[in-house]
PDB file of N, CA and C in Angstrom:
ATOM      1  N   MET A   1     -51.564  23.845 -60.829  1.00  0.00           N
ATOM      2  CA  MET A   1     -50.297  24.093 -61.364  1.00  0.00           C
ATOM      3  C   MET A   1     -49.360  24.571 -60.252  1.00  0.00           C
ATOM      4  N   ALA A   2     -48.108  24.137 -60.287  1.00  0.00           N
ATOM      5  CA  ALA A   2     -47.166  24.526 -59.208  1.00  0.00           C
ATOM      6  C   ALA A   2     -46.781  25.984 -59.459  1.00  0.00           C
ATOM      7  N   GLY A   3     -46.519  26.680 -58.438  1.00  0.00           N
ATOM      8  CA  GLY A   3     -46.179  28.142 -58.611  1.00  0.00           C
ATOM      9  C   GLY A   3     -44.685  28.387 -58.217  1.00  0.00           C
ATOM     10  N   GLY A   4     -44.171  29.363 -58.803  1.00  0.00           N
ATOM     11  CA  GLY A   4     -42.907  29.954 -58.426  1.00  0.00           C
ATOM     12  C   GLY A   4     -41.737  28.965 -58.875  1.00  0.00           C
ATOM     13  N   ASP A   5     -40.754  28.812 -57.963  1.00  0.00           N
ATOM     14  CA  ASP A   5     -39.569  28.051 -58.303  1.00  0.00           C
ATOM     15  C   ASP A   5     -39.816  26.544 -58.344  1.00  0.00           C
ATOM     16  N   ASP A   6     -40.871  26.112 -57.715  1.00  0.00           N
ATOM     17  CA  ASP A   6     -41.125  24.670 -57.658  1.00  0.00           C
ATOM     18  C   ASP A   6     -41.326  24.115 -59.047  1.00  0.00           C
ATOM     19  N   PHE A   7     -42.031  24.830 -59.950  1.00  0.00           N
ATOM     20  CA  PHE A   7     -42.304  24.339 -61.250  1.00  0.00           C
ATOM     21  C   PHE A   7     -41.060  24.086 -62.069  1.00  0.00           C
ATOM     22  N   TYR A   8     -40.076  24.855 -62.020  1.00  0.00           N
ATOM     23  CA  TYR A   8     -38.889  24.752 -62.758  1.00  0.00           C
ATOM     24  C   TYR A   8     -37.838  23.835 -62.123  1.00  0.00           C
ATOM     25  N   SER A   9     -37.832  23.836 -60.795  1.00  0.00           N
ATOM     26  CA  SER A   9     -36.817  23.038 -60.149  1.00  0.00           C
ATOM     27  C   SER A   9     -37.189  21.579 -59.810  1.00  0.00           C
ATOM     28  N   ARG A  10     -38.398  21.260 -60.048  1.00  0.00           N
ATOM     29  CA  ARG A  10     -38.893  19.922 -59.708  1.00  0.00           C
ATOM     30  C   ARG A  10     -38.139  18.758 -60.394  1.00  0.00           C
ATOM     31  N   ASP A  11     -37.920  18.923 -61.666  1.00  0.00           N
ATOM     32  CA  ASP A  11     -37.286  17.809 -62.431  1.00  0.00           C
ATOM     33  C   ASP A  11     -35.735  18.039 -62.700  1.00  0.00           C
ATOM     34  N   ARG A  12     -35.221  19.061 -62.126  1.00  0.00           N
ATOM     35  CA  ARG A  12     -33.828  19.407 -62.390  1.00  0.00           C
ATOM     36  C   ARG A  12     -32.852  18.661 -61.470  1.00  0.00           C
ATOM     37  N   PRO A  13     -31.715  18.307 -61.871  1.00  0.00           N
ATOM     38  CA  PRO A  13     -30.718  17.678 -60.969  1.00  0.00           C
ATOM     39  C   PRO A  13     -30.141  18.682 -60.050  1.00  0.00           C
ATOM     40  N   ASP A  14     -29.442  18.152 -58.986  1.00  0.00           N
ATOM     41  CA  ASP A  14     -28.893  19.036 -57.982  1.00  0.00           C
ATOM     42  C   ASP A  14     -27.876  20.034 -58.623  1.00  0.00           C
ATOM     43  N   ASN A  15     -27.082  19.606 -59.595  1.00  0.00           N
ATOM     44  CA  ASN A  15     -26.128  20.478 -60.238  1.00  0.00           C
ATOM     45  C   ASN A  15     -26.523  20.571 -61.755  1.00  0.00           C
ATOM     46  N   PRO A  16     -27.323  21.527 -62.160  1.00  0.00           N
ATOM     47  CA  PRO A  16     -27.919  21.526 -63.467  1.00  0.00           C
ATOM     48  C   PRO A  16     -26.938  22.010 -64.602  1.00  0.00           C
ATOM     49  N   GLU A  17     -25.753  22.461 -64.181  1.00  0.00           N
ATOM     50  CA  GLU A  17     -24.810  22.972 -65.233  1.00  0.00           C
ATOM     51  C   GLU A  17     -24.182  21.824 -65.999  1.00  0.00           C
ATOM     52  N   LEU A  18     -24.054  21.985 -67.281  1.00  0.00           N
ATOM     53  CA  LEU A  18     -23.475  20.983 -68.135  1.00  0.00           C
ATOM     54  C   LEU A  18     -21.949  21.013 -68.031  1.00  0.00           C
ATOM     55  N   ALA A  19     -21.332  19.849 -68.101  1.00  0.00           N
ATOM     56  CA  ALA A  19     -19.850  19.821 -68.105  1.00  0.00           C
ATOM     57  C   ALA A  19     -19.355  20.424 -69.390  1.00  0.00           C
ATOM     58  N   GLU A  20     -18.187  20.932 -69.405  1.00  0.00           N
ATOM     59  CA  GLU A  20     -17.543  21.509 -70.600  1.00  0.00           C
ATOM     60  C   GLU A  20     -17.225  20.386 -71.555  1.00  0.00           C
ATOM     61  N   ASP A  21     -17.725  20.432 -72.773  1.00  0.00           N
ATOM     62  CA  ASP A  21     -17.493  19.410 -73.713  1.00  0.00           C
ATOM     63  C   ASP A  21     -16.336  19.619 -74.628  1.00  0.00           C
ATOM     64  N   ARG A  22     -15.772  20.824 -74.596  1.00  0.00           N
ATOM     65  CA  ARG A  22     -14.617  21.071 -75.381  1.00  0.00           C
ATOM     66  C   ARG A  22     -13.794  22.171 -74.729  1.00  0.00           C
ATOM     67  N   PRO A  23     -12.446  22.119 -74.883  1.00  0.00           N
ATOM     68  CA  PRO A  23     -11.717  23.192 -74.262  1.00  0.00           C
ATOM     69  C   PRO A  23     -11.899  24.520 -74.975  1.00  0.00           C
ATOM     70  N   ARG A  24     -11.838  25.590 -74.237  1.00  0.00           N
ATOM     71  CA  ARG A  24     -11.986  26.919 -74.752  1.00  0.00           C
ATOM     72  C   ARG A  24     -10.640  27.559 -75.130  1.00  0.00           C
ATOM     73  N   GLY A  25     -10.630  28.462 -76.051  1.00  0.00           N
ATOM     74  CA  GLY A  25      -9.412  29.132 -76.339  1.00  0.00           C
ATOM     75  C   GLY A  25      -8.503  28.329 -77.201  1.00  0.00           C
ATOM     76  N   GLY A  26      -7.434  28.032 -76.677  1.00  0.00           N
ATOM     77  CA  GLY A  26      -6.464  27.257 -77.418  1.00  0.00           C
ATOM     78  C   GLY A  26      -5.247  28.143 -77.799  1.00  0.00           C
ATOM     79  N   GLY A  27      -4.100  27.668 -77.742  1.00  0.00           N
ATOM     80  CA  GLY A  27      -2.928  28.385 -78.033  1.00  0.00           C
ATOM     81  C   GLY A  27      -2.395  28.098 -79.378  1.00  0.00           C
ATOM     82  N   PRO A  28      -1.161  28.669 -79.625  1.00  0.00           N
ATOM     83  CA  PRO A  28      -0.569  28.420 -80.950  1.00  0.00           C
ATOM     84  C   PRO A  28      -0.267  26.918 -81.161  1.00  0.00           C
ATOM     85  N   GLU A  29      -0.158  26.152 -80.101  1.00  0.00           N
ATOM     86  CA  GLU A  29       0.205  24.727 -80.306  1.00  0.00           C
ATOM     87  C   GLU A  29      -1.006  23.995 -80.820  1.00  0.00           C
ATOM     88  N   ASP A  30      -2.217  24.558 -80.666  1.00  0.00           N
ATOM     89  CA  ASP A  30      -3.421  23.934 -81.137  1.00  0.00           C
ATOM     90  C   ASP A  30      -3.742  24.160 -82.583  1.00  0.00           C
ATOM     91  N   ARG A  31      -3.192  25.273 -83.187  1.00  0.00           N
ATOM     92  CA  ARG A  31      -3.446  25.591 -84.570  1.00  0.00           C
ATOM     93  C   ARG A  31      -2.519  24.744 -85.524  1.00  0.00           C
ATOM     94  N   PRO A  32      -3.027  24.326 -86.631  1.00  0.00           N
ATOM     95  CA  PRO A  32      -2.220  23.617 -87.598  1.00  0.00           C
ATOM     96  C   PRO A  32      -1.100  24.606 -88.084  1.00  0.00           C
ATOM     97  N   HIS A  33       0.048  24.143 -88.088  1.00  0.00           N
ATOM     98  CA  HIS A  33       1.234  24.923 -88.446  1.00  0.00           C
ATOM     99  C   HIS A  33       1.570  24.802 -89.972  1.00  0.00           C
ATOM    100  N   SER A  34       1.522  25.881 -90.678  1.00  0.00           N
ATOM    101  CA  SER A  34       1.859  25.799 -92.035  1.00  0.00           C
ATOM    102  C   SER A  34       2.671  27.013 -92.399  1.00  0.00           C
ATOM    103  N   GLY A  35       3.434  26.961 -93.510  1.00  0.00           N
ATOM    104  CA  GLY A  35       4.278  28.076 -93.892  1.00  0.00           C
ATOM    105  C   GLY A  35       3.562  29.028 -94.835  1.00  0.00           C
ATOM    106  N   HIS A  36       2.266  28.876 -95.042  1.00  0.00           N
ATOM    107  CA  HIS A  36       1.527  29.743 -95.942  1.00  0.00           C
ATOM    108  C   HIS A  36       1.589  31.212 -95.558  1.00  0.00           C
ATOM    109  N   HIS A  37       1.472  31.458 -94.285  1.00  0.00           N
ATOM    110  CA  HIS A  37       1.453  32.899 -93.889  1.00  0.00           C
ATOM    111  C   HIS A  37       2.833  33.548 -94.056  1.00  0.00           C
ATOM    112  N   VAL A  38       3.890  32.728 -94.046  1.00  0.00           N
ATOM    113  CA  VAL A  38       5.207  33.280 -94.317  1.00  0.00           C
ATOM    114  C   VAL A  38       5.342  33.712 -95.757  1.00  0.00           C
ATOM    115  N   TRP A  39       4.828  32.861 -96.653  1.00  0.00           N
ATOM    116  CA  TRP A  39       4.941  33.143 -98.061  1.00  0.00           C
ATOM    117  C   TRP A  39       4.030  34.415 -98.458  1.00  0.00           C
ATOM    118  N   ILE A  40       2.941  34.502 -97.791  1.00  0.00           N
ATOM    119  CA  ILE A  40       2.068  35.660 -98.047  1.00  0.00           C
ATOM    120  C   ILE A  40       2.717  36.915 -97.616  1.00  0.00           C
ATOM    121  N   TRP A  41       3.388  36.972 -96.455  1.00  0.00           N
ATOM    122  CA  TRP A  41       4.116  38.188 -96.040  1.00  0.00           C
ATOM    123  C   TRP A  41       5.286  38.463 -97.005  1.00  0.00           C
ATOM    124  N   TRP A  42       5.961  37.488 -97.479  1.00  0.00           N
ATOM    125  CA  TRP A  42       7.087  37.702 -98.470  1.00  0.00           C
ATOM    126  C   TRP A  42       6.539  38.330 -99.722  1.00  0.00           C
ATOM    127  N   LEU A  43       5.407  37.760-100.197  1.00  0.00           N
ATOM    128  CA  LEU A  43       4.754  38.393-101.420  1.00  0.00           C
ATOM    129  C   LEU A  43       4.361  39.833-101.181  1.00  0.00           C
ATOM    130  N   VAL A  44       3.837  40.180-100.064  1.00  0.00           N
ATOM    131  CA  VAL A  44       3.403  41.503 -99.751  1.00  0.00           C
ATOM    132  C   VAL A  44       4.632  42.418 -99.732  1.00  0.00           C
ATOM    133  N   VAL A  45       5.643  41.967 -99.102  1.00  0.00           N
ATOM    134  CA  VAL A  45       6.905  42.814 -99.020  1.00  0.00           C
ATOM    135  C   VAL A  45       7.491  43.007-100.414  1.00  0.00           C
ATOM    136  N   ALA A  46       7.516  41.919-101.245  1.00  0.00           N
ATOM    137  CA  ALA A  46       8.082  42.098-102.588  1.00  0.00           C
ATOM    138  C   ALA A  46       7.172  43.013-103.437  1.00  0.00           C
ATOM    139  N   ALA A  47       5.862  42.940-103.312  1.00  0.00           N
ATOM    140  CA  ALA A  47       4.975  43.850-104.038  1.00  0.00           C
ATOM    141  C   ALA A  47       5.149  45.302-103.581  1.00  0.00           C
ATOM    142  N   VAL A  48       5.356  45.552-102.346  1.00  0.00           N
ATOM    143  CA  VAL A  48       5.576  46.939-101.856  1.00  0.00           C
ATOM    144  C   VAL A  48       6.915  47.402-102.390  1.00  0.00           C
ATOM    145  N   ILE A  49       7.964  46.610-102.376  1.00  0.00           N
ATOM    146  CA  ILE A  49       9.233  47.081-102.906  1.00  0.00           C
ATOM    147  C   ILE A  49       9.159  47.397-104.399  1.00  0.00           C
ATOM    148  N   LEU A  50       8.453  46.550-105.155  1.00  0.00           N
ATOM    149  CA  LEU A  50       8.336  46.759-106.580  1.00  0.00           C
ATOM    150  C   LEU A  50       7.492  48.074-106.861  1.00  0.00           C
ATOM    151  N   ILE A  51       6.442  48.236-106.123  1.00  0.00           N
ATOM    152  CA  ILE A  51       5.671  49.454-106.292  1.00  0.00           C
ATOM    153  C   ILE A  51       6.489  50.694-105.952  1.00  0.00           C
ATOM    154  N   LEU A  52       7.156  50.687-104.920  1.00  0.00           N
ATOM    155  CA  LEU A  52       8.059  51.787-104.540  1.00  0.00           C
ATOM    156  C   LEU A  52       9.136  51.973-105.526  1.00  0.00           C
ATOM    157  N   PHE A  53       9.726  50.929-106.104  1.00  0.00           N
ATOM    158  CA  PHE A  53      10.794  51.020-107.072  1.00  0.00           C
ATOM    159  C   PHE A  53      10.233  51.729-108.357  1.00  0.00           C
ATOM    160  N   PHE A  54       9.069  51.387-108.819  1.00  0.00           N
ATOM    161  CA  PHE A  54       8.540  51.952-110.009  1.00  0.00           C
ATOM    162  C   PHE A  54       8.014  53.373-109.785  1.00  0.00           C
ATOM    163  N   ILE A  55       7.660  53.700-108.544  1.00  0.00           N
ATOM    164  CA  ILE A  55       7.214  55.115-108.279  1.00  0.00           C
ATOM    165  C   ILE A  55       8.419  56.027-108.227  1.00  0.00           C
ATOM    166  N   PHE A  56       9.531  55.616-107.654  1.00  0.00           N
ATOM    167  CA  PHE A  56      10.636  56.497-107.450  1.00  0.00           C
ATOM    168  C   PHE A  56      11.752  56.340-108.510  1.00  0.00           C
ATOM    169  N   ILE A  57      11.575  55.558-109.526  1.00  0.00           N
ATOM    170  CA  ILE A  57      12.632  55.404-110.534  1.00  0.00           C
ATOM    171  C   ILE A  57      12.650  56.574-111.518  1.00  0.00           C
TER     172      ILE A  57
END
């Protein structure tokens, strides 16, 4: 049996690292743009206003 580094490096290519198969990260341009988050925030604001209105009336 081969000893040390020879056992693992025998069948490996010169550059054993794999190429990147997909980009990492991604910015806002990569995300699908929808208006759902805007409507959610409007609903949250309206609910807070209504709750405050009924508390202080």
